[in-house]
Protein backbone atom coordinates (compact mmCIF):
# COMPACT_ATOMS: atom_id res chain seq x y z
CA GLY A 1 18.65 51.57 -81.79
CA THR A 2 16.12 53.83 -80.54
CA LEU A 3 14.34 56.45 -82.10
CA ASP A 4 13.68 59.55 -79.80
CA ASN A 5 10.27 60.69 -81.61
CA ALA A 6 8.84 62.40 -78.35
CA GLY A 7 7.09 65.53 -79.16
CA ASP A 8 7.39 64.68 -83.28
CA ASP A 9 5.22 63.29 -85.89
CA PHE A 10 7.43 60.79 -88.01
CA VAL A 11 5.72 60.14 -91.23
CA VAL A 12 6.03 57.08 -93.13
CA GLY A 13 5.38 56.98 -96.90
CA THR A 14 6.96 60.22 -97.47
CA ALA A 15 9.61 59.95 -100.41
CA GLY A 16 9.35 56.31 -100.20
CA TYR A 17 10.21 56.01 -96.61
CA LYS A 18 8.99 53.04 -94.95
CA LEU A 19 9.63 52.27 -91.18
CA TYR A 20 10.63 48.76 -89.62
CA LEU A 21 10.78 47.79 -86.19
CA ASP A 22 13.25 45.67 -86.12
CA GLY A 23 14.42 44.70 -82.74
CA GLY A 24 14.73 48.67 -81.79
CA LYS A 25 12.84 51.36 -79.98
CA ILE A 26 10.52 53.86 -80.84
CA SER A 27 10.18 56.17 -77.81
CA GLY A 28 7.17 58.45 -78.01
CA GLY A 29 5.44 60.98 -80.76
CA THR A 30 3.43 60.13 -83.28
CA ILE A 31 4.00 57.90 -86.18
CA SER A 32 1.61 59.20 -89.30
CA SER A 33 1.38 57.71 -92.90
CA SER A 34 1.13 60.11 -95.94
CA ASP A 35 -0.32 57.03 -97.91
CA ASP A 36 -1.05 53.47 -97.22
CA THR A 37 2.46 52.78 -95.73
CA LYS A 38 2.97 50.95 -92.68
CA LEU A 39 4.90 50.79 -89.67
CA ILE A 40 6.06 46.64 -89.74
CA ALA A 41 7.30 44.72 -86.71
CA THR A 42 9.57 42.32 -87.99
CA SER A 43 10.52 38.95 -86.16
CA SER A 44 13.27 40.56 -84.44
CA ASP A 45 10.96 42.15 -82.38
CA GLY A 46 11.05 45.59 -80.85
CA THR A 47 9.50 48.28 -78.30
CA LEU A 48 6.84 50.89 -78.64
CA ASP A 49 7.08 53.27 -75.44
CA GLY A 50 4.47 55.74 -75.16
CA VAL A 51 3.51 56.05 -79.20
CA THR A 52 0.47 56.93 -81.10
CA LEU A 53 0.03 55.29 -84.27
CA ASN A 54 -1.93 57.22 -86.88
CA ALA A 55 -1.16 54.84 -89.19
CA ASP A 56 -1.70 51.00 -90.32
CA GLY A 57 1.07 48.67 -88.77
CA LEU A 58 1.73 44.70 -89.22
CA VAL A 59 3.20 43.01 -86.63
CA GLN A 60 4.69 39.95 -88.44
CA GLU A 61 4.38 36.28 -87.74
CA SER A 62 6.92 35.58 -84.93
CA ALA A 63 7.09 39.08 -83.71
CA ILE A 64 6.64 40.02 -80.10
CA VAL A 65 6.46 43.77 -79.78
CA SER A 66 6.78 44.90 -75.85
CA VAL A 67 4.39 47.93 -75.21
CA THR A 68 5.83 50.26 -72.34
CA GLY A 69 4.27 53.45 -71.62
CA GLY A 70 1.09 52.92 -73.69
CA LEU A 71 0.14 52.74 -77.02
CA ASN A 72 -2.46 54.55 -78.96
CA VAL A 73 -3.85 53.06 -82.25
CA ASN A 74 -5.88 55.08 -84.57
CA GLY A 75 -5.56 52.89 -87.65
CA LEU A 76 -5.68 49.20 -87.97
CA LEU A 77 -2.76 47.11 -86.31
CA ARG A 78 -2.60 43.47 -87.65
CA LEU A 79 -1.20 40.90 -86.26
CA GLU A 80 0.03 38.22 -88.70
CA ARG A 81 0.00 34.74 -87.92
CA THR A 82 -0.28 32.35 -91.03
CA THR A 83 1.26 29.09 -89.40
CA ASN A 84 -0.87 26.88 -87.18
CA HIS A 85 2.17 25.24 -85.54
CA PRO A 86 2.20 24.62 -81.76
CA SER A 87 5.82 25.90 -81.19
CA ASP A 88 5.91 29.32 -79.45
CA SER A 89 8.29 30.54 -81.87
CA TYR A 90 5.83 31.29 -83.91
CA ASP A 91 3.99 33.40 -81.17
CA THR A 92 2.76 36.75 -82.64
CA GLY A 93 1.32 39.65 -80.28
CA LEU A 94 2.06 42.85 -77.92
CA ASP A 95 3.38 42.61 -74.85
CA PHE A 96 2.12 45.19 -72.58
CA TYR A 97 4.40 45.50 -69.29
CA GLY A 98 5.22 48.25 -66.72
CA ALA A 99 3.35 51.21 -65.33
CA GLY A 100 1.03 52.68 -67.86
CA ALA A 101 1.30 50.06 -70.39
CA GLU A 102 -2.13 50.74 -71.69
CA LEU A 103 -3.61 50.03 -75.18
CA GLY A 104 -6.05 53.18 -76.29
CA GLY A 105 -7.25 54.94 -79.39
CA SER A 106 -9.76 54.82 -81.86
CA GLY A 107 -8.38 52.16 -84.06
CA VAL A 108 -8.59 48.30 -84.36
CA VAL A 109 -6.46 45.61 -83.55
CA GLU A 110 -6.98 42.12 -85.12
C-alpha cells in the first residue's frame, strides 16, 4: 500500500511505533524519530517518493528501494550487505529514476 504523508511528519518511535518499508510506498512528507528508532526497508523492496528522512534508516540486505521525486537524508541511511556472494539476489541499494529523483540533505548514506 501507500502511505500518503505529503505535508506531514510521521514520527517513528513514539508509543513504540516502528516503520517498515515492506513493498509499499511512502509519498511525501517527513519521517522523523523521537528516539533511535529507524525506518527499515526489507527485502520486499519499496518506494520513497519525495521523502525527507529526519531519522536513521536501514536498507536490509537484498532490498532495493526505488526513489522518485527526491530523497533528503538528514540522518544516517545504512545499506546493509553482509553476504559476499556474486548473485544479484543479494544486491542492496537505492534505485533513482524519473524527473527529480535526487539525493539531498545533510546526512550520510553508507
